[in-house]
């Protein structure tokens, strides 16, 4: 029984991670300017969320952004410095 509980817990965590990822994409793309690409991506993301939410374990997922109404804060990625000699190694 303990093994089954652990498997269910792992499945639930994995499922919630996938749903959270799709929700993050949804919230980021919602902020984009209107375009055909934006609309197509929103349709695809909503479809993915619907498919994921079919699983019984998904019922306990609560999106923090949806629940609180707060906007996501997106931090810029740090600038990367080029690695010297990379092109010679990759070739």
Protein backbone atom coordinates (compact mmCIF):
# COMPACT_ATOMS: atom_id res chain seq x y z
CA UNK A 1 0.00 0.00 0.00
CA UNK A 2 2.85 2.42 0.79
CA UNK A 3 4.34 1.82 -2.66
CA UNK A 4 1.01 2.65 -4.36
CA UNK A 5 0.64 5.82 -2.28
CA UNK A 6 4.14 6.92 -3.30
CA UNK A 7 3.39 6.25 -6.98
CA UNK A 8 0.13 8.21 -6.77
CA UNK A 9 1.91 11.09 -5.04
CA UNK A 10 4.62 11.13 -7.73
CA UNK A 11 2.02 11.02 -10.52
CA UNK A 12 0.09 13.88 -8.91
CA UNK A 13 3.22 16.03 -8.51
CA UNK A 14 4.23 15.38 -12.12
CA UNK A 15 0.75 16.17 -13.39
CA UNK A 16 0.60 19.38 -11.34
CA UNK A 17 3.99 20.39 -12.73
CA UNK A 18 2.74 19.97 -16.30
CA UNK A 19 -0.43 21.93 -15.57
CA UNK A 20 1.56 24.67 -13.82
CA UNK A 21 3.85 24.91 -16.85
CA UNK A 22 0.90 25.28 -19.22
CA UNK A 23 -0.70 27.87 -16.93
CA UNK A 24 2.57 29.84 -16.87
CA UNK A 25 2.64 29.80 -20.68
CA UNK A 26 -1.00 30.88 -20.74
CA UNK A 27 -0.40 33.84 -18.43
CA UNK A 28 2.72 34.95 -20.29
CA UNK A 29 1.14 34.80 -23.74
CA UNK A 30 -2.02 36.55 -22.55
CA UNK A 31 0.12 39.66 -22.06
CA UNK A 32 1.30 39.65 -25.69
CA UNK A 33 -0.12 42.14 -28.20
CA UNK A 34 -3.04 40.78 -30.22
CA UNK A 35 -2.03 38.69 -33.23
CA UNK A 36 -2.97 35.51 -35.05
CA UNK A 37 0.01 33.75 -33.47
CA UNK A 38 -1.15 34.74 -29.98
CA UNK A 39 -4.66 33.40 -30.65
CA UNK A 40 -3.32 30.11 -32.04
CA UNK A 41 -1.03 29.61 -29.05
CA UNK A 42 -3.80 30.39 -26.57
CA UNK A 43 -6.07 27.83 -28.24
CA UNK A 44 -3.29 25.21 -28.11
CA UNK A 45 -2.46 25.93 -24.46
CA UNK A 46 -6.09 25.83 -23.36
CA UNK A 47 -6.48 22.52 -25.19
CA UNK A 48 -3.43 21.12 -23.37
CA UNK A 49 -4.79 22.26 -20.02
CA UNK A 50 -8.18 20.67 -20.75
CA UNK A 51 -6.52 17.36 -21.64
CA UNK A 52 -4.40 17.42 -18.48
CA UNK A 53 -7.37 18.31 -16.27
CA UNK A 54 -9.19 15.11 -17.31
CA UNK A 55 -7.02 13.16 -14.87
CA UNK A 56 -8.65 12.76 -11.42
CA UNK A 57 -5.43 13.85 -9.68
CA UNK A 58 -5.63 17.20 -11.49
CA UNK A 59 -8.67 18.27 -9.48
CA UNK A 60 -6.48 19.42 -6.59
CA UNK A 61 -4.37 21.77 -8.78
CA UNK A 62 -4.81 25.46 -8.01
CA UNK A 63 -3.00 28.05 -10.13
CA UNK A 64 -1.62 30.82 -7.93
CA UNK A 65 -2.06 33.46 -10.64
CA UNK A 66 -5.65 32.41 -11.39
CA UNK A 67 -6.51 32.24 -7.67
CA UNK A 68 -5.03 35.59 -6.64
CA UNK A 69 -5.54 37.57 -9.85
CA UNK A 70 -1.93 38.78 -9.60
CA UNK A 71 0.11 39.14 -12.74
CA UNK A 72 3.17 36.95 -13.18
CA UNK A 73 6.48 38.68 -12.69
CA UNK A 74 8.90 37.76 -15.44
CA UNK A 75 12.55 38.37 -14.76
CA UNK A 76 14.88 38.98 -17.67
CA UNK A 77 17.41 36.24 -18.27
CA UNK A 78 20.96 37.14 -17.37
CA UNK A 79 23.25 37.94 -20.25
CA UNK A 80 25.55 35.12 -21.10
CA UNK A 81 29.17 35.72 -21.88
CA UNK A 82 30.45 33.74 -24.85
CA UNK A 83 32.61 30.75 -24.02
CA UNK A 84 35.99 31.16 -25.61
CA UNK A 85 36.98 28.36 -27.95
CA UNK A 86 33.44 26.98 -28.15
CA UNK A 87 33.29 27.06 -31.95
CA UNK A 88 36.52 25.09 -32.23
CA UNK A 89 35.20 22.41 -29.84
CA UNK A 90 31.79 22.20 -31.51
CA UNK A 91 33.23 21.84 -35.00
